[in-house]
Amino acid sequence: MPVVIGVASAVVVIVLVGTLASAVGNLGEVEIAVVVLLGLIAGVMAGVWEVRRKR
């Protein structure tokens, strides 16, 4: 279950941050990489939080 929570969190963060960033201006390669990195970090943090919560 922590993997599902982590993936869902990553997708939500990527979509939300990507939408906000694209509304502000054009997204270049660096900006897209930052959005994906933020999503990955959020997914890992959510997965770790879920594992700790279950204990």
PDB file of N, CA and C in Angstrom:
ATOM      1  N   MET A   1       0.799  -1.209   0.000  1.00  0.00           N
ATOM      2  CA  MET A   1       0.000   0.000   0.000  1.00  0.00           C
ATOM      3  C   MET A   1       0.848   1.283   0.000  1.00  0.00           C
ATOM      4  N   PRO A   2       2.005   1.316   0.671  1.00  0.00           N
ATOM      5  CA  PRO A   2       2.815   2.537   0.627  1.00  0.00           C
ATOM      6  C   PRO A   2       3.250   2.914  -0.789  1.00  0.00           C
ATOM      7  N   VAL A   3       3.457   1.913  -1.639  1.00  0.00           N
ATOM      8  CA  VAL A   3       3.861   2.204  -3.013  1.00  0.00           C
ATOM      9  C   VAL A   3       2.729   2.901  -3.754  1.00  0.00           C
ATOM     10  N   VAL A   4       1.506   2.437  -3.534  1.00  0.00           N
ATOM     11  CA  VAL A   4       0.344   3.049  -4.185  1.00  0.00           C
ATOM     12  C   VAL A   4       0.180   4.495  -3.721  1.00  0.00           C
ATOM     13  N   ILE A   5       0.316   4.714  -2.419  1.00  0.00           N
ATOM     14  CA  ILE A   5       0.210   6.067  -1.869  1.00  0.00           C
ATOM     15  C   ILE A   5       1.305   6.961  -2.449  1.00  0.00           C
ATOM     16  N   GLY A   6       2.519   6.436  -2.529  1.00  0.00           N
ATOM     17  CA  GLY A   6       3.636   7.210  -3.069  1.00  0.00           C
ATOM     18  C   GLY A   6       3.450   7.568  -4.530  1.00  0.00           C
ATOM     19  N   VAL A   7       3.003   6.615  -5.330  1.00  0.00           N
ATOM     20  CA  VAL A   7       2.788   6.869  -6.759  1.00  0.00           C
ATOM     21  C   VAL A   7       1.656   7.875  -6.952  1.00  0.00           C
ATOM     22  N   ALA A   8       0.575   7.704  -6.209  1.00  0.00           N
ATOM     23  CA  ALA A   8      -0.552   8.635  -6.321  1.00  0.00           C
ATOM     24  C   ALA A   8      -0.125  10.045  -5.934  1.00  0.00           C
ATOM     25  N   SER A   9       0.652  10.152  -4.880  1.00  0.00           N
ATOM     26  CA  SER A   9       1.135  11.464  -4.444  1.00  0.00           C
ATOM     27  C   SER A   9       2.045  12.084  -5.498  1.00  0.00           C
ATOM     28  N   ALA A  10       2.917  11.283  -6.070  1.00  0.00           N
ATOM     29  CA  ALA A  10       3.825  11.793  -7.101  1.00  0.00           C
ATOM     30  C   ALA A  10       3.051  12.302  -8.312  1.00  0.00           C
ATOM     31  N   VAL A  11       2.056  11.553  -8.738  1.00  0.00           N
ATOM     32  CA  VAL A  11       1.257  11.959  -9.900  1.00  0.00           C
ATOM     33  C   VAL A  11       0.511  13.256  -9.613  1.00  0.00           C
ATOM     34  N   VAL A  12      -0.082  13.348  -8.433  1.00  0.00           N
ATOM     35  CA  VAL A  12      -0.825  14.561  -8.075  1.00  0.00           C
ATOM     36  C   VAL A  12       0.098  15.776  -8.046  1.00  0.00           C
ATOM     37  N   VAL A  13       1.271  15.620  -7.450  1.00  0.00           N
ATOM     38  CA  VAL A  13       2.208  16.752  -7.379  1.00  0.00           C
ATOM     39  C   VAL A  13       2.686  17.144  -8.768  1.00  0.00           C
ATOM     40  N   ILE A  14       3.009  16.172  -9.608  1.00  0.00           N
ATOM     41  CA  ILE A  14       3.468  16.479 -10.964  1.00  0.00           C
ATOM     42  C   ILE A  14       2.384  17.215 -11.743  1.00  0.00           C
ATOM     43  N   VAL A  15       1.147  16.760 -11.631  1.00  0.00           N
ATOM     44  CA  VAL A  15       0.053  17.402 -12.367  1.00  0.00           C
ATOM     45  C   VAL A  15      -0.206  18.813 -11.839  1.00  0.00           C
ATOM     46  N   LEU A  16      -0.293  18.963 -10.523  1.00  0.00           N
ATOM     47  CA  LEU A  16      -0.592  20.281  -9.959  1.00  0.00           C
ATOM     48  C   LEU A  16       0.522  21.289 -10.211  1.00  0.00           C
ATOM     49  N   VAL A  17       1.757  20.906  -9.924  1.00  0.00           N
ATOM     50  CA  VAL A  17       2.876  21.833 -10.122  1.00  0.00           C
ATOM     51  C   VAL A  17       3.078  22.110 -11.609  1.00  0.00           C
ATOM     52  N   GLY A  18       2.931  21.095 -12.430  1.00  0.00           N
ATOM     53  CA  GLY A  18       3.057  21.293 -13.874  1.00  0.00           C
ATOM     54  C   GLY A  18       1.999  22.234 -14.425  1.00  0.00           C
ATOM     55  N   THR A  19       0.778  22.095 -13.933  1.00  0.00           N
ATOM     56  CA  THR A  19      -0.303  22.977 -14.370  1.00  0.00           C
ATOM     57  C   THR A  19      -0.041  24.416 -13.946  1.00  0.00           C
ATOM     58  N   LEU A  20       0.369  24.589 -12.699  1.00  0.00           N
ATOM     59  CA  LEU A  20       0.668  25.944 -12.226  1.00  0.00           C
ATOM     60  C   LEU A  20       1.847  26.556 -12.973  1.00  0.00           C
ATOM     61  N   ALA A  21       2.879  25.770 -13.208  1.00  0.00           N
ATOM     62  CA  ALA A  21       4.065  26.281 -13.897  1.00  0.00           C
ATOM     63  C   ALA A  21       3.762  26.609 -15.357  1.00  0.00           C
ATOM     64  N   SER A  22       2.937  25.807 -16.001  1.00  0.00           N
ATOM     65  CA  SER A  22       2.616  26.084 -17.400  1.00  0.00           C
ATOM     66  C   SER A  22       1.718  27.306 -17.533  1.00  0.00           C
ATOM     67  N   ALA A  23       0.923  27.594 -16.505  1.00  0.00           N
ATOM     68  CA  ALA A  23       0.089  28.792 -16.542  1.00  0.00           C
ATOM     69  C   ALA A  23       0.940  30.053 -16.425  1.00  0.00           C
ATOM     70  N   VAL A  24       2.061  29.954 -15.721  1.00  0.00           N
ATOM     71  CA  VAL A  24       2.936  31.113 -15.525  1.00  0.00           C
ATOM     72  C   VAL A  24       3.729  31.422 -16.794  1.00  0.00           C
ATOM     73  N   GLY A  25       4.223  30.396 -17.449  1.00  0.00           N
ATOM     74  CA  GLY A  25       5.025  30.633 -18.652  1.00  0.00           C
ATOM     75  C   GLY A  25       5.402  29.332 -19.322  1.00  0.00           C
ATOM     76  N   ASN A  26       6.227  29.441 -20.329  1.00  0.00           N
ATOM     77  CA  ASN A  26       6.663  28.258 -21.066  1.00  0.00           C
ATOM     78  C   ASN A  26       7.534  27.369 -20.193  1.00  0.00           C
ATOM     79  N   LEU A  27       7.335  26.072 -20.324  1.00  0.00           N
ATOM     80  CA  LEU A  27       8.137  25.114 -19.568  1.00  0.00           C
ATOM     81  C   LEU A  27       9.282  24.621 -20.447  1.00  0.00           C
ATOM     82  N   GLY A  28      10.493  24.832 -19.976  1.00  0.00           N
ATOM     83  CA  GLY A  28      11.666  24.313 -20.668  1.00  0.00           C
ATOM     84  C   GLY A  28      12.068  22.979 -20.076  1.00  0.00           C
ATOM     85  N   GLU A  29      13.199  22.462 -20.530  1.00  0.00           N
ATOM     86  CA  GLU A  29      13.668  21.158 -20.049  1.00  0.00           C
ATOM     87  C   GLU A  29      13.984  21.186 -18.560  1.00  0.00           C
ATOM     88  N   VAL A  30      14.584  22.262 -18.103  1.00  0.00           N
ATOM     89  CA  VAL A  30      14.963  22.354 -16.690  1.00  0.00           C
ATOM     90  C   VAL A  30      13.720  22.417 -15.811  1.00  0.00           C
ATOM     91  N   GLU A  31      12.742  23.191 -16.224  1.00  0.00           N
ATOM     92  CA  GLU A  31      11.522  23.313 -15.435  1.00  0.00           C
ATOM     93  C   GLU A  31      10.778  21.985 -15.351  1.00  0.00           C
ATOM     94  N   ILE A  32      10.729  21.257 -16.455  1.00  0.00           N
ATOM     95  CA  ILE A  32      10.071  19.948 -16.460  1.00  0.00           C
ATOM     96  C   ILE A  32      10.813  18.989 -15.539  1.00  0.00           C
ATOM     97  N   ALA A  33      12.141  19.027 -15.571  1.00  0.00           N
ATOM     98  CA  ALA A  33      12.934  18.162 -14.687  1.00  0.00           C
ATOM     99  C   ALA A  33      12.680  18.498 -13.225  1.00  0.00           C
ATOM    100  N   VAL A  34      12.540  19.774 -12.908  1.00  0.00           N
ATOM    101  CA  VAL A  34      12.264  20.180 -11.529  1.00  0.00           C
ATOM    102  C   VAL A  34      10.889  19.697 -11.095  1.00  0.00           C
ATOM    103  N   VAL A  35       9.897  19.790 -11.965  1.00  0.00           N
ATOM    104  CA  VAL A  35       8.545  19.320 -11.644  1.00  0.00           C
ATOM    105  C   VAL A  35       8.558  17.822 -11.371  1.00  0.00           C
ATOM    106  N   VAL A  36       9.243  17.062 -12.209  1.00  0.00           N
ATOM    107  CA  VAL A  36       9.321  15.610 -12.014  1.00  0.00           C
ATOM    108  C   VAL A  36      10.082  15.283 -10.735  1.00  0.00           C
ATOM    109  N   LEU A  37      11.152  16.011 -10.458  1.00  0.00           N
ATOM    110  CA  LEU A  37      11.920  15.786  -9.231  1.00  0.00           C
ATOM    111  C   LEU A  37      11.067  16.071  -7.998  1.00  0.00           C
ATOM    112  N   LEU A  38      10.299  17.149  -8.017  1.00  0.00           N
ATOM    113  CA  LEU A  38       9.398  17.447  -6.900  1.00  0.00           C
ATOM    114  C   LEU A  38       8.366  16.337  -6.716  1.00  0.00           C
ATOM    115  N   GLY A  39       7.830  15.830  -7.812  1.00  0.00           N
ATOM    116  CA  GLY A  39       6.875  14.727  -7.726  1.00  0.00           C
ATOM    117  C   GLY A  39       7.503  13.476  -7.153  1.00  0.00           C
ATOM    118  N   LEU A  40       8.729  13.181  -7.567  1.00  0.00           N
ATOM    119  CA  LEU A  40       9.434  12.006  -7.053  1.00  0.00           C
ATOM    120  C   LEU A  40       9.699  12.135  -5.557  1.00  0.00           C
ATOM    121  N   ILE A  41      10.144  13.305  -5.138  1.00  0.00           N
ATOM    122  CA  ILE A  41      10.399  13.532  -3.710  1.00  0.00           C
ATOM    123  C   ILE A  41       9.112  13.409  -2.908  1.00  0.00           C
ATOM    124  N   ALA A  42       8.030  13.995  -3.410  1.00  0.00           N
ATOM    125  CA  ALA A  42       6.747  13.910  -2.706  1.00  0.00           C
ATOM    126  C   ALA A  42       6.260  12.469  -2.625  1.00  0.00           C
ATOM    127  N   GLY A  43       6.453  11.702  -3.682  1.00  0.00           N
ATOM    128  CA  GLY A  43       6.043  10.300  -3.674  1.00  0.00           C
ATOM    129  C   GLY A  43       6.810   9.477  -2.666  1.00  0.00           C
ATOM    130  N   VAL A  44       8.108   9.685  -2.615  1.00  0.00           N
ATOM    131  CA  VAL A  44       8.932   8.951  -1.643  1.00  0.00           C
ATOM    132  C   VAL A  44       8.552   9.342  -0.223  1.00  0.00           C
ATOM    133  N   MET A  45       8.365  10.633   0.008  1.00  0.00           N
ATOM    134  CA  MET A  45       7.992  11.086   1.351  1.00  0.00           C
ATOM    135  C   MET A  45       6.636  10.521   1.769  1.00  0.00           C
ATOM    136  N   ALA A  46       5.682  10.480   0.852  1.00  0.00           N
ATOM    137  CA  ALA A  46       4.365   9.931   1.180  1.00  0.00           C
ATOM    138  C   ALA A  46       4.455   8.437   1.458  1.00  0.00           C
ATOM    139  N   GLY A  47       5.261   7.716   0.690  1.00  0.00           N
ATOM    140  CA  GLY A  47       5.437   6.287   0.935  1.00  0.00           C
ATOM    141  C   GLY A  47       6.083   6.004   2.277  1.00  0.00           C
ATOM    142  N   VAL A  48       7.110   6.768   2.613  1.00  0.00           N
ATOM    143  CA  VAL A  48       7.781   6.599   3.910  1.00  0.00           C
ATOM    144  C   VAL A  48       6.827   6.943   5.045  1.00  0.00           C
ATOM    145  N   TRP A  49       6.067   8.006   4.873  1.00  0.00           N
ATOM    146  CA  TRP A  49       5.099   8.402   5.902  1.00  0.00           C
ATOM    147  C   TRP A  49       4.063   7.294   6.115  1.00  0.00           C
ATOM    148  N   GLU A  50       3.608   6.682   5.027  1.00  0.00           N
ATOM    149  CA  GLU A  50       2.609   5.614   5.129  1.00  0.00           C
ATOM    150  C   GLU A  50       3.182   4.401   5.855  1.00  0.00           C
ATOM    151  N   VAL A  51       4.431   4.052   5.583  1.00  0.00           N
ATOM    152  CA  VAL A  51       5.062   2.915   6.266  1.00  0.00           C
ATOM    153  C   VAL A  51       5.185   3.199   7.757  1.00  0.00           C
ATOM    154  N   ARG A  52       5.622   4.392   8.102  1.00  0.00           N
ATOM    155  CA  ARG A  52       5.773   4.742   9.521  1.00  0.00           C
ATOM    156  C   ARG A  52       4.427   4.812  10.224  1.00  0.00           C
ATOM    157  N   ARG A  53       3.396   5.238   9.521  1.00  0.00           N
ATOM    158  CA  ARG A  53       2.063   5.352  10.115  1.00  0.00           C
ATOM    159  C   ARG A  53       1.493   3.978  10.451  1.00  0.00           C
ATOM    160  N   LYS A  54       1.828   2.981   9.655  1.00  0.00           N
ATOM    161  CA  LYS A  54       1.300   1.624   9.853  1.00  0.00           C
ATOM    162  C   LYS A  54       1.926   0.928  11.048  1.00  0.00           C
ATOM    163  N   ARG A  55       3.092   1.385  11.482  1.00  0.00           N
ATOM    164  CA  ARG A  55       3.785   0.714  12.594  1.00  0.00           C
ATOM    165  C   ARG A  55       3.264   1.136  13.925  1.00  0.00           C
TER     166      ARG A  55
END
